[in-house]
N, C-alpha and C. Protein backbone atom coordinates (compact mmCIF):
# COMPACT_ATOMS: atom_id res chain seq x y z
N MET A 1 -6.30 -5.45 3.71
CA MET A 1 -7.55 -5.20 3.05
C MET A 1 -7.28 -5.08 1.57
N GLY A 2 -8.27 -5.30 0.80
CA GLY A 2 -8.12 -5.23 -0.64
C GLY A 2 -9.46 -5.04 -1.32
N VAL A 3 -9.40 -4.80 -2.60
CA VAL A 3 -10.59 -4.60 -3.41
C VAL A 3 -10.57 -5.63 -4.54
N LEU A 4 -11.69 -6.29 -4.77
CA LEU A 4 -11.77 -7.26 -5.85
C LEU A 4 -11.38 -6.60 -7.18
N LYS A 5 -10.64 -7.34 -8.00
CA LYS A 5 -10.13 -6.80 -9.26
C LYS A 5 -11.23 -6.19 -10.12
N GLU A 6 -12.40 -6.84 -10.17
CA GLU A 6 -13.48 -6.32 -11.01
C GLU A 6 -14.06 -5.00 -10.48
N LEU A 7 -13.71 -4.62 -9.27
CA LEU A 7 -14.17 -3.36 -8.68
C LEU A 7 -13.10 -2.28 -8.64
N HIS A 8 -11.92 -2.57 -9.22
CA HIS A 8 -10.85 -1.57 -9.26
C HIS A 8 -11.29 -0.36 -10.07
N ARG A 9 -10.66 0.76 -9.77
CA ARG A 9 -10.83 2.03 -10.50
C ARG A 9 -12.24 2.61 -10.37
N LYS A 10 -12.85 2.35 -9.21
CA LYS A 10 -14.17 2.91 -8.93
C LYS A 10 -14.14 3.79 -7.68
N GLY A 11 -12.96 4.04 -7.13
CA GLY A 11 -12.84 4.88 -5.94
C GLY A 11 -13.00 4.14 -4.62
N ILE A 12 -13.24 2.85 -4.68
CA ILE A 12 -13.47 2.07 -3.46
C ILE A 12 -12.20 1.99 -2.62
N GLY A 13 -11.06 1.72 -3.26
CA GLY A 13 -9.79 1.64 -2.53
C GLY A 13 -9.44 2.94 -1.85
N ARG A 14 -9.65 4.05 -2.54
CA ARG A 14 -9.38 5.37 -1.95
C ARG A 14 -10.26 5.62 -0.73
N GLU A 15 -11.52 5.25 -0.83
CA GLU A 15 -12.44 5.43 0.30
C GLU A 15 -12.06 4.54 1.48
N LEU A 16 -11.69 3.29 1.19
CA LEU A 16 -11.23 2.39 2.26
C LEU A 16 -9.99 2.97 2.94
N PHE A 17 -9.04 3.44 2.12
CA PHE A 17 -7.83 4.01 2.69
C PHE A 17 -8.15 5.25 3.51
N LYS A 18 -9.01 6.11 3.00
CA LYS A 18 -9.38 7.33 3.73
C LYS A 18 -9.94 6.98 5.10
N SER A 19 -10.81 6.00 5.16
CA SER A 19 -11.40 5.57 6.43
C SER A 19 -10.34 4.98 7.36
N ALA A 20 -9.45 4.16 6.81
CA ALA A 20 -8.39 3.56 7.62
C ALA A 20 -7.45 4.63 8.17
N ARG A 21 -7.10 5.60 7.33
CA ARG A 21 -6.21 6.68 7.78
C ARG A 21 -6.87 7.50 8.89
N GLU A 22 -8.14 7.83 8.71
CA GLU A 22 -8.86 8.59 9.74
C GLU A 22 -8.93 7.82 11.06
N ALA A 23 -9.19 6.53 10.98
CA ALA A 23 -9.27 5.70 12.19
C ALA A 23 -7.91 5.64 12.89
N ALA A 24 -6.84 5.48 12.11
CA ALA A 24 -5.50 5.43 12.70
C ALA A 24 -5.15 6.76 13.36
N ALA A 25 -5.49 7.87 12.71
CA ALA A 25 -5.21 9.19 13.28
C ALA A 25 -5.98 9.39 14.59
N LYS A 26 -7.24 8.98 14.62
CA LYS A 26 -8.07 9.12 15.83
C LYS A 26 -7.49 8.31 16.99
N GLN A 27 -6.84 7.19 16.66
CA GLN A 27 -6.25 6.35 17.69
C GLN A 27 -4.86 6.83 18.09
N GLY A 28 -4.38 7.90 17.47
CA GLY A 28 -3.11 8.50 17.88
C GLY A 28 -1.88 8.01 17.16
N TYR A 29 -2.07 7.24 16.09
CA TYR A 29 -0.91 6.76 15.34
C TYR A 29 -0.31 7.91 14.53
N SER A 30 1.00 7.86 14.34
CA SER A 30 1.71 8.90 13.58
C SER A 30 2.01 8.47 12.16
N PHE A 31 2.07 7.18 11.93
CA PHE A 31 2.43 6.66 10.61
C PHE A 31 1.52 5.50 10.24
N ILE A 32 1.44 5.26 8.95
CA ILE A 32 0.73 4.08 8.44
C ILE A 32 1.65 3.44 7.41
N GLN A 33 1.62 2.12 7.34
CA GLN A 33 2.47 1.43 6.36
C GLN A 33 1.65 0.40 5.60
N VAL A 34 2.13 0.10 4.41
CA VAL A 34 1.56 -0.97 3.60
C VAL A 34 2.70 -1.79 3.02
N LYS A 35 2.40 -3.04 2.72
CA LYS A 35 3.39 -3.92 2.10
C LYS A 35 2.80 -4.51 0.83
N THR A 36 3.63 -4.63 -0.19
CA THR A 36 3.23 -5.27 -1.43
C THR A 36 4.49 -5.82 -2.10
N VAL A 37 4.32 -6.46 -3.23
CA VAL A 37 5.47 -6.98 -3.97
C VAL A 37 6.16 -5.80 -4.67
N GLN A 38 7.46 -5.80 -4.65
CA GLN A 38 8.27 -4.72 -5.22
C GLN A 38 7.91 -4.43 -6.68
N MET A 39 7.92 -3.16 -7.02
CA MET A 39 7.66 -2.69 -8.38
C MET A 39 8.60 -3.40 -9.36
N GLY A 40 8.04 -3.78 -10.51
CA GLY A 40 8.84 -4.37 -11.57
C GLY A 40 8.85 -5.89 -11.60
N LYS A 41 8.20 -6.53 -10.63
CA LYS A 41 8.18 -7.99 -10.58
C LYS A 41 6.97 -8.58 -11.31
N TYR A 42 5.80 -7.98 -11.11
CA TYR A 42 4.56 -8.48 -11.71
C TYR A 42 3.69 -7.28 -12.07
N LYS A 43 3.12 -7.31 -13.27
CA LYS A 43 2.31 -6.20 -13.77
C LYS A 43 1.18 -5.83 -12.80
N GLU A 44 0.47 -6.84 -12.27
CA GLU A 44 -0.65 -6.54 -11.38
C GLU A 44 -0.20 -5.85 -10.10
N TYR A 45 0.99 -6.18 -9.62
CA TYR A 45 1.50 -5.51 -8.43
C TYR A 45 2.08 -4.14 -8.75
N ASP A 46 2.51 -3.93 -9.98
CA ASP A 46 2.95 -2.59 -10.38
C ASP A 46 1.78 -1.62 -10.25
N ARG A 47 0.58 -2.05 -10.61
CA ARG A 47 -0.62 -1.21 -10.45
C ARG A 47 -0.86 -0.90 -8.98
N THR A 48 -0.66 -1.90 -8.13
CA THR A 48 -0.82 -1.71 -6.69
C THR A 48 0.19 -0.69 -6.18
N ASN A 49 1.45 -0.83 -6.60
CA ASN A 49 2.49 0.12 -6.19
C ASN A 49 2.12 1.54 -6.62
N LYS A 50 1.67 1.69 -7.84
CA LYS A 50 1.30 3.02 -8.34
C LYS A 50 0.12 3.60 -7.55
N PHE A 51 -0.80 2.74 -7.16
CA PHE A 51 -1.93 3.19 -6.34
C PHE A 51 -1.42 3.75 -5.01
N TYR A 52 -0.56 3.00 -4.33
CA TYR A 52 -0.03 3.47 -3.05
C TYR A 52 0.72 4.78 -3.21
N LEU A 53 1.53 4.89 -4.26
CA LEU A 53 2.26 6.14 -4.50
C LEU A 53 1.28 7.29 -4.76
N SER A 54 0.19 7.01 -5.47
CA SER A 54 -0.79 8.07 -5.75
C SER A 54 -1.49 8.56 -4.49
N LEU A 55 -1.55 7.71 -3.47
CA LEU A 55 -2.14 8.10 -2.19
C LEU A 55 -1.19 8.96 -1.36
N GLY A 56 0.08 8.97 -1.74
CA GLY A 56 1.06 9.76 -1.00
C GLY A 56 2.05 8.94 -0.19
N PHE A 57 2.00 7.62 -0.31
CA PHE A 57 2.98 6.78 0.38
C PHE A 57 4.36 7.00 -0.21
N LYS A 58 5.38 6.81 0.62
CA LYS A 58 6.78 6.92 0.20
C LYS A 58 7.45 5.56 0.38
N GLU A 59 8.33 5.23 -0.56
CA GLU A 59 9.08 3.98 -0.45
C GLU A 59 9.94 4.04 0.81
N PHE A 60 9.90 2.98 1.59
CA PHE A 60 10.68 2.93 2.83
C PHE A 60 11.79 1.91 2.74
N GLU A 61 11.44 0.65 2.43
CA GLU A 61 12.44 -0.40 2.43
C GLU A 61 11.92 -1.59 1.64
N VAL A 62 12.85 -2.36 1.07
CA VAL A 62 12.52 -3.62 0.41
C VAL A 62 13.18 -4.74 1.18
N PHE A 63 12.39 -5.76 1.49
CA PHE A 63 12.92 -6.97 2.12
C PHE A 63 12.92 -8.06 1.04
N PRO A 64 14.09 -8.35 0.46
CA PRO A 64 14.16 -9.24 -0.70
C PRO A 64 13.65 -10.65 -0.47
N THR A 65 13.72 -11.15 0.76
CA THR A 65 13.31 -12.55 0.99
C THR A 65 12.32 -12.70 2.15
N LEU A 66 11.63 -11.63 2.54
CA LEU A 66 10.67 -11.72 3.64
C LEU A 66 9.60 -12.77 3.33
N TRP A 67 9.04 -12.71 2.13
CA TRP A 67 8.04 -13.69 1.73
C TRP A 67 8.73 -14.85 1.02
N ASP A 68 9.47 -14.56 -0.03
CA ASP A 68 10.34 -15.52 -0.72
C ASP A 68 11.08 -14.75 -1.80
N GLU A 69 12.05 -15.38 -2.43
CA GLU A 69 12.90 -14.68 -3.39
C GLU A 69 12.16 -14.22 -4.64
N TRP A 70 10.99 -14.79 -4.93
CA TRP A 70 10.22 -14.40 -6.12
C TRP A 70 9.28 -13.24 -5.84
N ASN A 71 9.12 -12.93 -4.56
CA ASN A 71 8.17 -11.88 -4.15
C ASN A 71 8.81 -10.93 -3.14
N PRO A 72 9.75 -10.10 -3.59
CA PRO A 72 10.39 -9.17 -2.66
C PRO A 72 9.36 -8.19 -2.08
N CYS A 73 9.40 -8.02 -0.78
CA CYS A 73 8.42 -7.21 -0.07
C CYS A 73 8.81 -5.73 -0.07
N GLN A 74 7.98 -4.90 -0.69
CA GLN A 74 8.16 -3.45 -0.70
C GLN A 74 7.33 -2.87 0.45
N VAL A 75 7.98 -2.08 1.29
CA VAL A 75 7.27 -1.41 2.38
C VAL A 75 7.17 0.08 2.03
N TYR A 76 5.95 0.60 2.13
CA TYR A 76 5.69 2.02 1.95
C TYR A 76 5.20 2.58 3.29
N VAL A 77 5.52 3.85 3.56
CA VAL A 77 5.06 4.51 4.77
C VAL A 77 4.48 5.88 4.45
N MET A 78 3.68 6.37 5.38
CA MET A 78 3.10 7.70 5.25
C MET A 78 2.90 8.28 6.65
N SER A 79 3.22 9.53 6.80
CA SER A 79 2.93 10.24 8.04
C SER A 79 1.46 10.60 8.05
N ILE A 80 0.81 10.37 9.19
CA ILE A 80 -0.60 10.75 9.30
C ILE A 80 -0.82 11.75 10.42
N GLY A 81 0.27 12.21 10.98
CA GLY A 81 0.15 13.12 12.12
C GLY A 81 -0.03 14.54 11.73
């Protein structure tokens, strides 16, 4: 899921995440994860990384070539239990 760039910084992403987290918790999941391009590769993805960190996600692992060598995959996780 994502939010159109022109709608960033309006609280929409936080509300979407809040709803997704609540739905996952109701279904009995203990963790939630997100994937994005690793911090430091592209300015626009650095903003995405900072957003996930602000929600409380923790860095879990980087897969350097999951997508391709120019887009290392950063995995973040969060406990929802």
